[in-house]
């Protein structure tokens, strides 16, 4: 079981200020989580081959083939505001 001092230490590492109710809830939650890990430690894994990943497929990529392009005129026609052949959008970065 995790004790209050460990909860306080974890809270300070995470820069959290916990109320007594939150501290108690955190203690219960972390106690249950650690209990789950203890259960996993009890599982009999004899005869189970070690693996780094449960799936053997790595970097399965498709060929990058050009497809149909959305026509520029249609995109501009659908835009709420255009200027000089471009879609006008609100400023997102202040340069002041």
PDB file of N, CA and C in Angstrom:
ATOM      1  N   UNK A   1       0.846  -1.184   0.000  1.00  0.00           N
ATOM      2  CA  UNK A   1       0.000   0.000   0.000  1.00  0.00           C
ATOM      3  C   UNK A   1       0.885   1.239   0.000  1.00  0.00           C
ATOM      4  N   UNK A   2       0.448   2.229  -0.690  1.00  0.00           N
ATOM      5  CA  UNK A   2       1.192   3.480  -0.773  1.00  0.00           C
ATOM      6  C   UNK A   2       0.781   4.365   0.410  1.00  0.00           C
ATOM      7  N   UNK A   3       1.759   5.025   1.037  1.00  0.00           N
ATOM      8  CA  UNK A   3       1.425   5.828   2.216  1.00  0.00           C
ATOM      9  C   UNK A   3       1.347   7.316   1.880  1.00  0.00           C
ATOM     10  N   UNK A   4       0.900   8.103   2.851  1.00  0.00           N
ATOM     11  CA  UNK A   4       0.669   9.537   2.651  1.00  0.00           C
ATOM     12  C   UNK A   4       1.961  10.270   2.302  1.00  0.00           C
ATOM     13  N   UNK A   5       3.081   9.843   2.874  1.00  0.00           N
ATOM     14  CA  UNK A   5       4.361  10.497   2.575  1.00  0.00           C
ATOM     15  C   UNK A   5       4.732  10.313   1.107  1.00  0.00           C
ATOM     16  N   UNK A   6       4.456   9.133   0.563  1.00  0.00           N
ATOM     17  CA  UNK A   6       4.745   8.895  -0.852  1.00  0.00           C
ATOM     18  C   UNK A   6       3.836   9.740  -1.739  1.00  0.00           C
ATOM     19  N   UNK A   7       2.581   9.888  -1.345  1.00  0.00           N
ATOM     20  CA  UNK A   7       1.658  10.739  -2.099  1.00  0.00           C
ATOM     21  C   UNK A   7       2.153  12.180  -2.070  1.00  0.00           C
ATOM     22  N   UNK A   8       2.573  12.650  -0.898  1.00  0.00           N
ATOM     23  CA  UNK A   8       3.091  14.019  -0.789  1.00  0.00           C
ATOM     24  C   UNK A   8       4.325  14.201  -1.664  1.00  0.00           C
ATOM     25  N   UNK A   9       5.189  13.198  -1.686  1.00  0.00           N
ATOM     26  CA  UNK A   9       6.398  13.280  -2.515  1.00  0.00           C
ATOM     27  C   UNK A   9       6.035  13.338  -4.001  1.00  0.00           C
ATOM     28  N   UNK A  10       5.135  12.467  -4.432  1.00  0.00           N
ATOM     29  CA  UNK A  10       4.702  12.479  -5.830  1.00  0.00           C
ATOM     30  C   UNK A  10       4.036  13.803  -6.187  1.00  0.00           C
ATOM     31  N   UNK A  11       3.221  14.326  -5.283  1.00  0.00           N
ATOM     32  CA  UNK A  11       2.552  15.605  -5.530  1.00  0.00           C
ATOM     33  C   UNK A  11       3.573  16.727  -5.670  1.00  0.00           C
ATOM     34  N   UNK A  12       4.609  16.709  -4.847  1.00  0.00           N
ATOM     35  CA  UNK A  12       5.625  17.767  -4.951  1.00  0.00           C
ATOM     36  C   UNK A  12       6.415  17.637  -6.252  1.00  0.00           C
ATOM     37  N   UNK A  13       6.696  16.417  -6.686  1.00  0.00           N
ATOM     38  CA  UNK A  13       7.397  16.227  -7.958  1.00  0.00           C
ATOM     39  C   UNK A  13       6.560  16.730  -9.127  1.00  0.00           C
ATOM     40  N   UNK A  14       5.248  16.543  -9.036  1.00  0.00           N
ATOM     41  CA  UNK A  14       4.342  16.962 -10.103  1.00  0.00           C
ATOM     42  C   UNK A  14       3.880  18.405  -9.912  1.00  0.00           C
ATOM     43  N   UNK A  15       4.383  19.046  -8.866  1.00  0.00           N
ATOM     44  CA  UNK A  15       4.006  20.435  -8.560  1.00  0.00           C
ATOM     45  C   UNK A  15       2.496  20.566  -8.361  1.00  0.00           C
ATOM     46  N   UNK A  16       1.929  19.609  -7.628  1.00  0.00           N
ATOM     47  CA  UNK A  16       0.501  19.616  -7.334  1.00  0.00           C
ATOM     48  C   UNK A  16       0.277  20.005  -5.881  1.00  0.00           C
ATOM     49  N   UNK A  17      -0.757  20.764  -5.654  1.00  0.00           N
ATOM     50  CA  UNK A  17      -1.178  21.082  -4.291  1.00  0.00           C
ATOM     51  C   UNK A  17      -2.502  20.363  -4.070  1.00  0.00           C
ATOM     52  N   UNK A  18      -2.434  19.268  -3.329  1.00  0.00           N
ATOM     53  CA  UNK A  18      -3.610  18.423  -3.132  1.00  0.00           C
ATOM     54  C   UNK A  18      -4.329  18.781  -1.838  1.00  0.00           C
ATOM     55  N   UNK A  19      -5.651  18.784  -1.910  1.00  0.00           N
ATOM     56  CA  UNK A  19      -6.452  18.914  -0.695  1.00  0.00           C
ATOM     57  C   UNK A  19      -6.410  17.572   0.029  1.00  0.00           C
ATOM     58  N   UNK A  20      -6.796  17.540   1.296  1.00  0.00           N
ATOM     59  CA  UNK A  20      -6.819  16.247   2.000  1.00  0.00           C
ATOM     60  C   UNK A  20      -7.702  15.207   1.302  1.00  0.00           C
ATOM     61  N   UNK A  21      -8.824  15.659   0.723  1.00  0.00           N
ATOM     62  CA  UNK A  21      -9.701  14.727   0.013  1.00  0.00           C
ATOM     63  C   UNK A  21      -9.018  14.185  -1.242  1.00  0.00           C
ATOM     64  N   UNK A  22      -8.337  15.078  -1.969  1.00  0.00           N
ATOM     65  CA  UNK A  22      -7.624  14.646  -3.176  1.00  0.00           C
ATOM     66  C   UNK A  22      -6.484  13.706  -2.818  1.00  0.00           C
ATOM     67  N   UNK A  23      -5.784  14.003  -1.718  1.00  0.00           N
ATOM     68  CA  UNK A  23      -4.674  13.160  -1.281  1.00  0.00           C
ATOM     69  C   UNK A  23      -5.186  11.760  -0.954  1.00  0.00           C
ATOM     70  N   UNK A  24      -6.315  11.689  -0.255  1.00  0.00           N
ATOM     71  CA  UNK A  24      -6.893  10.388   0.095  1.00  0.00           C
ATOM     72  C   UNK A  24      -7.332   9.633  -1.156  1.00  0.00           C
ATOM     73  N   UNK A  25      -7.975  10.343  -2.083  1.00  0.00           N
ATOM     74  CA  UNK A  25      -8.400   9.711  -3.331  1.00  0.00           C
ATOM     75  C   UNK A  25      -7.222   9.221  -4.146  1.00  0.00           C
ATOM     76  N   UNK A  26      -6.154  10.031  -4.186  1.00  0.00           N
ATOM     77  CA  UNK A  26      -4.952   9.653  -4.924  1.00  0.00           C
ATOM     78  C   UNK A  26      -4.312   8.420  -4.296  1.00  0.00           C
ATOM     79  N   UNK A  27      -4.319   8.372  -2.967  1.00  0.00           N
ATOM     80  CA  UNK A  27      -3.742   7.221  -2.275  1.00  0.00           C
ATOM     81  C   UNK A  27      -4.526   5.953  -2.621  1.00  0.00           C
ATOM     82  N   UNK A  28      -5.850   6.058  -2.637  1.00  0.00           N
ATOM     83  CA  UNK A  28      -6.678   4.896  -3.000  1.00  0.00           C
ATOM     84  C   UNK A  28      -6.440   4.483  -4.448  1.00  0.00           C
ATOM     85  N   UNK A  29      -6.439   5.465  -5.354  1.00  0.00           N
ATOM     86  CA  UNK A  29      -6.267   5.174  -6.782  1.00  0.00           C
ATOM     87  C   UNK A  29      -4.914   4.530  -7.061  1.00  0.00           C
ATOM     88  N   UNK A  30      -3.848   5.122  -6.523  1.00  0.00           N
ATOM     89  CA  UNK A  30      -2.512   4.566  -6.764  1.00  0.00           C
ATOM     90  C   UNK A  30      -2.356   3.196  -6.110  1.00  0.00           C
ATOM     91  N   UNK A  31      -2.995   2.997  -4.968  1.00  0.00           N
ATOM     92  CA  UNK A  31      -2.966   1.680  -4.328  1.00  0.00           C
ATOM     93  C   UNK A  31      -3.593   0.619  -5.216  1.00  0.00           C
ATOM     94  N   UNK A  32      -4.721   0.965  -5.851  1.00  0.00           N
ATOM     95  CA  UNK A  32      -5.370   0.011  -6.767  1.00  0.00           C
ATOM     96  C   UNK A  32      -4.492  -0.250  -7.995  1.00  0.00           C
ATOM     97  N   UNK A  33      -3.889   0.806  -8.525  1.00  0.00           N
ATOM     98  CA  UNK A  33      -3.024   0.643  -9.704  1.00  0.00           C
ATOM     99  C   UNK A  33      -1.853  -0.273  -9.376  1.00  0.00           C
ATOM    100  N   UNK A  34      -1.211  -0.040  -8.234  1.00  0.00           N
ATOM    101  CA  UNK A  34      -0.091  -0.897  -7.843  1.00  0.00           C
ATOM    102  C   UNK A  34      -0.562  -2.326  -7.594  1.00  0.00           C
ATOM    103  N   UNK A  35      -1.783  -2.485  -7.102  1.00  0.00           N
ATOM    104  CA  UNK A  35      -2.347  -3.826  -6.917  1.00  0.00           C
ATOM    105  C   UNK A  35      -2.492  -4.563  -8.235  1.00  0.00           C
ATOM    106  N   UNK A  36      -2.882  -3.831  -9.288  1.00  0.00           N
ATOM    107  CA  UNK A  36      -2.984  -4.449 -10.615  1.00  0.00           C
ATOM    108  C   UNK A  36      -1.616  -4.936 -11.085  1.00  0.00           C
ATOM    109  N   UNK A  37      -0.574  -4.141 -10.824  1.00  0.00           N
ATOM    110  CA  UNK A  37       0.764  -4.566 -11.226  1.00  0.00           C
ATOM    111  C   UNK A  37       1.205  -5.794 -10.437  1.00  0.00           C
ATOM    112  N   UNK A  38       0.826  -5.875  -9.179  1.00  0.00           N
ATOM    113  CA  UNK A  38       1.142  -7.069  -8.393  1.00  0.00           C
ATOM    114  C   UNK A  38       0.450  -8.294  -8.990  1.00  0.00           C
ATOM    115  N   UNK A  39      -0.799  -8.123  -9.435  1.00  0.00           N
ATOM    116  CA  UNK A  39      -1.509  -9.228 -10.079  1.00  0.00           C
ATOM    117  C   UNK A  39      -0.793  -9.657 -11.350  1.00  0.00           C
ATOM    118  N   UNK A  40      -0.302  -8.700 -12.121  1.00  0.00           N
ATOM    119  CA  UNK A  40       0.429  -9.046 -13.344  1.00  0.00           C
ATOM    120  C   UNK A  40       1.694  -9.829 -13.018  1.00  0.00           C
ATOM    121  N   UNK A  41       2.335  -9.483 -11.909  1.00  0.00           N
ATOM    122  CA  UNK A  41       3.544 -10.188 -11.504  1.00  0.00           C
ATOM    123  C   UNK A  41       3.286 -11.635 -11.121  1.00  0.00           C
ATOM    124  N   UNK A  42       2.046 -11.956 -10.774  1.00  0.00           N
ATOM    125  CA  UNK A  42       1.695 -13.317 -10.375  1.00  0.00           C
ATOM    126  C   UNK A  42       1.315 -14.209 -11.554  1.00  0.00           C
ATOM    127  N   UNK A  43       1.190 -13.633 -12.739  1.00  0.00           N
ATOM    128  CA  UNK A  43       0.786 -14.404 -13.916  1.00  0.00           C
ATOM    129  C   UNK A  43       1.907 -15.364 -14.302  1.00  0.00           C
ATOM    130  N   UNK A  44       1.548 -16.611 -14.555  1.00  0.00           N
ATOM    131  CA  UNK A  44       2.515 -17.620 -14.962  1.00  0.00           C
ATOM    132  C   UNK A  44       2.848 -17.409 -16.442  1.00  0.00           C
ATOM    133  N   UNK A  45       4.071 -17.018 -16.704  1.00  0.00           N
ATOM    134  CA  UNK A  45       4.505 -16.779 -18.084  1.00  0.00           C
ATOM    135  C   UNK A  45       5.500 -17.825 -18.557  1.00  0.00           C
ATOM    136  N   UNK A  46       5.557 -18.958 -17.863  1.00  0.00           N
ATOM    137  CA  UNK A  46       6.458 -20.027 -18.299  1.00  0.00           C
ATOM    138  C   UNK A  46       6.056 -20.474 -19.697  1.00  0.00           C
ATOM    139  N   UNK A  47       7.019 -20.589 -20.570  1.00  0.00           N
ATOM    140  CA  UNK A  47       6.763 -21.045 -21.927  1.00  0.00           C
ATOM    141  C   UNK A  47       6.300 -19.950 -22.867  1.00  0.00           C
ATOM    142  N   UNK A  48       6.170 -18.735 -22.366  1.00  0.00           N
ATOM    143  CA  UNK A  48       5.768 -17.624 -23.227  1.00  0.00           C
ATOM    144  C   UNK A  48       7.032 -16.949 -23.740  1.00  0.00           C
ATOM    145  N   UNK A  49       7.130 -16.865 -25.045  1.00  0.00           N
ATOM    146  CA  UNK A  49       8.320 -16.284 -25.658  1.00  0.00           C
ATOM    147  C   UNK A  49       8.348 -14.767 -25.433  1.00  0.00           C
ATOM    148  N   UNK A  50       9.522 -14.247 -25.070  1.00  0.00           N
ATOM    149  CA  UNK A  50       9.673 -12.806 -24.880  1.00  0.00           C
ATOM    150  C   UNK A  50       9.562 -12.092 -26.214  1.00  0.00           C
ATOM    151  N   UNK A  51       8.982 -10.917 -26.176  1.00  0.00           N
ATOM    152  CA  UNK A  51       8.887 -10.119 -27.395  1.00  0.00           C
ATOM    153  C   UNK A  51       8.926  -8.644 -27.022  1.00  0.00           C
ATOM    154  N   UNK A  52       9.427  -7.852 -27.956  1.00  0.00           N
ATOM    155  CA  UNK A  52       9.452  -6.413 -27.734  1.00  0.00           C
ATOM    156  C   UNK A  52       8.133  -5.781 -28.130  1.00  0.00           C
ATOM    157  N   UNK A  53       7.502  -6.342 -29.139  1.00  0.00           N
ATOM    158  CA  UNK A  53       6.234  -5.812 -29.639  1.00  0.00           C
ATOM    159  C   UNK A  53       5.274  -6.976 -29.856  1.00  0.00           C
ATOM    160  N   UNK A  54       3.996  -6.758 -29.594  1.00  0.00           N
ATOM    161  CA  UNK A  54       3.046  -7.850 -29.801  1.00  0.00           C
ATOM    162  C   UNK A  54       2.727  -8.097 -31.267  1.00  0.00           C
ATOM    163  N   UNK A  55       3.103  -7.182 -32.142  1.00  0.00           N
ATOM    164  CA  UNK A  55       2.817  -7.306 -33.567  1.00  0.00           C
ATOM    165  C   UNK A  55       4.148  -7.324 -34.310  1.00  0.00           C
ATOM    166  N   UNK A  56       4.282  -8.216 -35.266  1.00  0.00           N
ATOM    167  CA  UNK A  56       5.556  -8.344 -35.976  1.00  0.00           C
ATOM    168  C   UNK A  56       5.680  -7.396 -37.155  1.00  0.00           C
ATOM    169  N   UNK A  57       4.597  -6.748 -37.555  1.00  0.00           N
ATOM    170  CA  UNK A  57       4.658  -5.844 -38.700  1.00  0.00           C
ATOM    171  C   UNK A  57       5.314  -4.532 -38.292  1.00  0.00           C
ATOM    172  N   UNK A  58       6.326  -4.142 -39.023  1.00  0.00           N
ATOM    173  CA  UNK A  58       7.009  -2.883 -38.747  1.00  0.00           C
ATOM    174  C   UNK A  58       7.029  -2.035 -40.001  1.00  0.00           C
ATOM    175  N   UNK A  59       6.704  -0.776 -39.865  1.00  0.00           N
ATOM    176  CA  UNK A  59       6.790   0.190 -40.957  1.00  0.00           C
ATOM    177  C   UNK A  59       6.133  -0.312 -42.240  1.00  0.00           C
ATOM    178  N   UNK A  60       4.915  -0.762 -42.111  1.00  0.00           N
ATOM    179  CA  UNK A  60       4.178  -1.195 -43.288  1.00  0.00           C
ATOM    180  C   UNK A  60       3.636   0.065 -43.946  1.00  0.00           C
ATOM    181  N   UNK A  61       4.211   0.401 -45.078  1.00  0.00           N
ATOM    182  CA  UNK A  61       3.853   1.631 -45.762  1.00  0.00           C
ATOM    183  C   UNK A  61       3.260   1.320 -47.122  1.00  0.00           C
ATOM    184  N   UNK A  62       2.435   2.206 -47.579  1.00  0.00           N
ATOM    185  CA  UNK A  62       1.899   2.071 -48.931  1.00  0.00           C
ATOM    186  C   UNK A  62       2.722   2.962 -49.851  1.00  0.00           C
ATOM    187  N   UNK A  63       2.673   2.679 -51.131  1.00  0.00           N
ATOM    188  CA  UNK A  63       3.353   3.530 -52.096  1.00  0.00           C
ATOM    189  C   UNK A  63       2.678   4.896 -52.117  1.00  0.00           C
ATOM    190  N   UNK A  64       3.474   5.931 -52.215  1.00  0.00           N
ATOM    191  CA  UNK A  64       2.961   7.294 -52.255  1.00  0.00           C
ATOM    192  C   UNK A  64       2.656   7.645 -53.703  1.00  0.00           C
ATOM    193  N   UNK A  65       1.421   7.410 -54.088  1.00  0.00           N
ATOM    194  CA  UNK A  65       1.016   7.657 -55.463  1.00  0.00           C
ATOM    195  C   UNK A  65       0.165   8.914 -55.522  1.00  0.00           C
ATOM    196  N   UNK A  66       0.439   9.777 -56.489  1.00  0.00           N
ATOM    197  CA  UNK A  66      -0.394  10.981 -56.597  1.00  0.00           C
ATOM    198  C   UNK A  66      -1.815  10.599 -56.967  1.00  0.00           C
ATOM    199  N   UNK A  67      -2.746  11.277 -56.352  1.00  0.00           N
ATOM    200  CA  UNK A  67      -4.147  11.007 -56.629  1.00  0.00           C
ATOM    201  C   UNK A  67      -4.811  12.229 -57.224  1.00  0.00           C
ATOM    202  N   UNK A  68      -6.117  12.195 -57.213  1.00  0.00           N
ATOM    203  CA  UNK A  68      -6.877  13.301 -57.759  1.00  0.00           C
ATOM    204  C   UNK A  68      -6.682  14.528 -56.872  1.00  0.00           C
ATOM    205  N   UNK A  69      -6.405  15.644 -57.502  1.00  0.00           N
ATOM    206  CA  UNK A  69      -6.164  16.889 -56.782  1.00  0.00           C
ATOM    207  C   UNK A  69      -7.453  17.696 -56.750  1.00  0.00           C
ATOM    208  N   UNK A  70      -7.722  18.293 -55.592  1.00  0.00           N
ATOM    209  CA  UNK A  70      -8.887  19.156 -55.455  1.00  0.00           C
ATOM    210  C   UNK A  70      -8.643  20.392 -56.313  1.00  0.00           C
ATOM    211  N   UNK A  71      -9.504  20.695 -57.270  1.00  0.00           N
ATOM    212  CA  UNK A  71      -9.270  21.832 -58.163  1.00  0.00           C
ATOM    213  C   UNK A  71      -9.194  23.153 -57.394  1.00  0.00           C
ATOM    214  N   UNK A  72      -8.195  23.942 -57.731  1.00  0.00           N
ATOM    215  CA  UNK A  72      -7.959  25.224 -57.057  1.00  0.00           C
ATOM    216  C   UNK A  72      -9.186  26.131 -57.150  1.00  0.00           C
ATOM    217  N   UNK A  73      -9.798  26.189 -58.313  1.00  0.00           N
ATOM    218  CA  UNK A  73     -10.957  27.066 -58.503  1.00  0.00           C
ATOM    219  C   UNK A  73     -12.098  26.670 -57.570  1.00  0.00           C
ATOM    220  N   UNK A  74     -12.286  25.374 -57.365  1.00  0.00           N
ATOM    221  CA  UNK A  74     -13.347  24.909 -56.469  1.00  0.00           C
ATOM    222  C   UNK A  74     -13.018  25.291 -55.030  1.00  0.00           C
ATOM    223  N   UNK A  75     -11.757  25.098 -54.623  1.00  0.00           N
ATOM    224  CA  UNK A  75     -11.348  25.455 -53.264  1.00  0.00           C
ATOM    225  C   UNK A  75     -11.552  26.942 -53.017  1.00  0.00           C
ATOM    226  N   UNK A  76     -11.162  27.765 -53.979  1.00  0.00           N
ATOM    227  CA  UNK A  76     -11.337  29.209 -53.826  1.00  0.00           C
ATOM    228  C   UNK A  76     -12.814  29.584 -53.792  1.00  0.00           C
ATOM    229  N   UNK A  77     -13.621  28.897 -54.570  1.00  0.00           N
ATOM    230  CA  UNK A  77     -15.053  29.193 -54.590  1.00  0.00           C
ATOM    231  C   UNK A  77     -15.717  28.817 -53.263  1.00  0.00           C
ATOM    232  N   UNK A  78     -15.198  27.807 -52.587  1.00  0.00           N
ATOM    233  CA  UNK A  78     -15.772  27.369 -51.316  1.00  0.00           C
ATOM    234  C   UNK A  78     -15.286  28.193 -50.128  1.00  0.00           C
ATOM    235  N   UNK A  79     -14.189  28.921 -50.294  1.00  0.00           N
ATOM    236  CA  UNK A  79     -13.617  29.696 -49.196  1.00  0.00           C
ATOM    237  C   UNK A  79     -14.493  30.905 -48.885  1.00  0.00           C
ATOM    238  N   UNK A  80     -14.624  31.248 -47.595  1.00  0.00           N
ATOM    239  CA  UNK A  80     -15.444  32.400 -47.243  1.00  0.00           C
ATOM    240  C   UNK A  80     -14.851  33.723 -47.727  1.00  0.00           C
ATOM    241  N   UNK A  81     -13.518  33.779 -47.848  1.00  0.00           N
ATOM    242  CA  UNK A  81     -12.889  35.026 -48.294  1.00  0.00           C
ATOM    243  C   UNK A  81     -11.598  34.694 -49.044  1.00  0.00           C
ATOM    244  N   UNK A  82     -11.396  35.339 -50.179  1.00  0.00           N
ATOM    245  CA  UNK A  82     -10.175  35.139 -50.965  1.00  0.00           C
ATOM    246  C   UNK A  82      -9.567  36.492 -51.293  1.00  0.00           C
ATOM    247  N   UNK A  83      -8.275  36.443 -51.650  1.00  0.00           N
ATOM    248  CA  UNK A  83      -7.577  37.665 -52.047  1.00  0.00           C
ATOM    249  C   UNK A  83      -6.417  37.269 -52.952  1.00  0.00           C
ATOM    250  N   UNK A  84      -6.416  37.784 -54.150  1.00  0.00           N
ATOM    251  CA  UNK A  84      -5.319  37.534 -55.077  1.00  0.00           C
ATOM    252  C   UNK A  84      -5.116  36.074 -55.415  1.00  0.00           C
ATOM    253  N   UNK A  85      -6.177  35.293 -55.467  1.00  0.00           N
ATOM    254  CA  UNK A  85      -6.050  33.880 -55.811  1.00  0.00           C
ATOM    255  C   UNK A  85      -5.676  32.991 -54.639  1.00  0.00           C
ATOM    256  N   UNK A  86      -5.718  33.528 -53.421  1.00  0.00           N
ATOM    257  CA  UNK A  86      -5.402  32.764 -52.214  1.00  0.00           C
ATOM    258  C   UNK A  86      -6.585  32.821 -51.254  1.00  0.00           C
ATOM    259  N   UNK A  87      -6.668  31.849 -50.368  1.00  0.00           N
ATOM    260  CA  UNK A  87      -7.699  31.861 -49.331  1.00  0.00           C
ATOM    261  C   UNK A  87      -7.210  32.772 -48.214  1.00  0.00           C
ATOM    262  N   UNK A  88      -8.037  33.739 -47.851  1.00  0.00           N
ATOM    263  CA  UNK A  88      -7.673  34.685 -46.792  1.00  0.00           C
ATOM    264  C   UNK A  88      -8.185  34.128 -45.458  1.00  0.00           C
ATOM    265  N   UNK A  89      -7.285  34.072 -44.480  1.00  0.00           N
ATOM    266  CA  UNK A  89      -7.630  33.565 -43.150  1.00  0.00           C
ATOM    267  C   UNK A  89      -7.264  34.617 -42.109  1.00  0.00           C
ATOM    268  N   UNK A  90      -7.832  34.538 -40.916  1.00  0.00           N
ATOM    269  CA  UNK A  90      -7.487  35.504 -39.871  1.00  0.00           C
ATOM    270  C   UNK A  90      -6.022  35.371 -39.464  1.00  0.00           C
ATOM    271  N   UNK A  91      -5.442  36.482 -39.050  1.00  0.00           N
ATOM    272  CA  UNK A  91      -4.055  36.494 -38.575  1.00  0.00           C
ATOM    273  C   UNK A  91      -3.950  35.598 -37.339  1.00  0.00           C
ATOM    274  N   UNK A  92      -2.924  34.779 -37.298  1.00  0.00           N
ATOM    275  CA  UNK A  92      -2.738  33.879 -36.158  1.00  0.00           C
ATOM    276  C   UNK A  92      -1.537  34.253 -35.303  1.00  0.00           C
ATOM    277  N   UNK A  93      -0.632  35.062 -35.837  1.00  0.00           N
ATOM    278  CA  UNK A  93       0.565  35.452 -35.097  1.00  0.00           C
ATOM    279  C   UNK A  93       0.677  36.968 -35.139  1.00  0.00           C
ATOM    280  N   UNK A  94       0.818  37.576 -33.966  1.00  0.00           N
ATOM    281  CA  UNK A  94       1.044  39.019 -33.915  1.00  0.00           C
ATOM    282  C   UNK A  94       2.520  39.295 -34.140  1.00  0.00           C
ATOM    283  N   UNK A  95       2.809  40.277 -34.961  1.00  0.00           N
ATOM    284  CA  UNK A  95       4.209  40.628 -35.234  1.00  0.00           C
ATOM    285  C   UNK A  95       4.623  41.885 -34.495  1.00  0.00           C
ATOM    286  N   UNK A  96       3.774  42.363 -33.599  1.00  0.00           N
ATOM    287  CA  UNK A  96       4.095  43.581 -32.834  1.00  0.00           C
ATOM    288  C   UNK A  96       5.094  43.297 -31.756  1.00  0.00           C
TER     289      UNK A  96
END
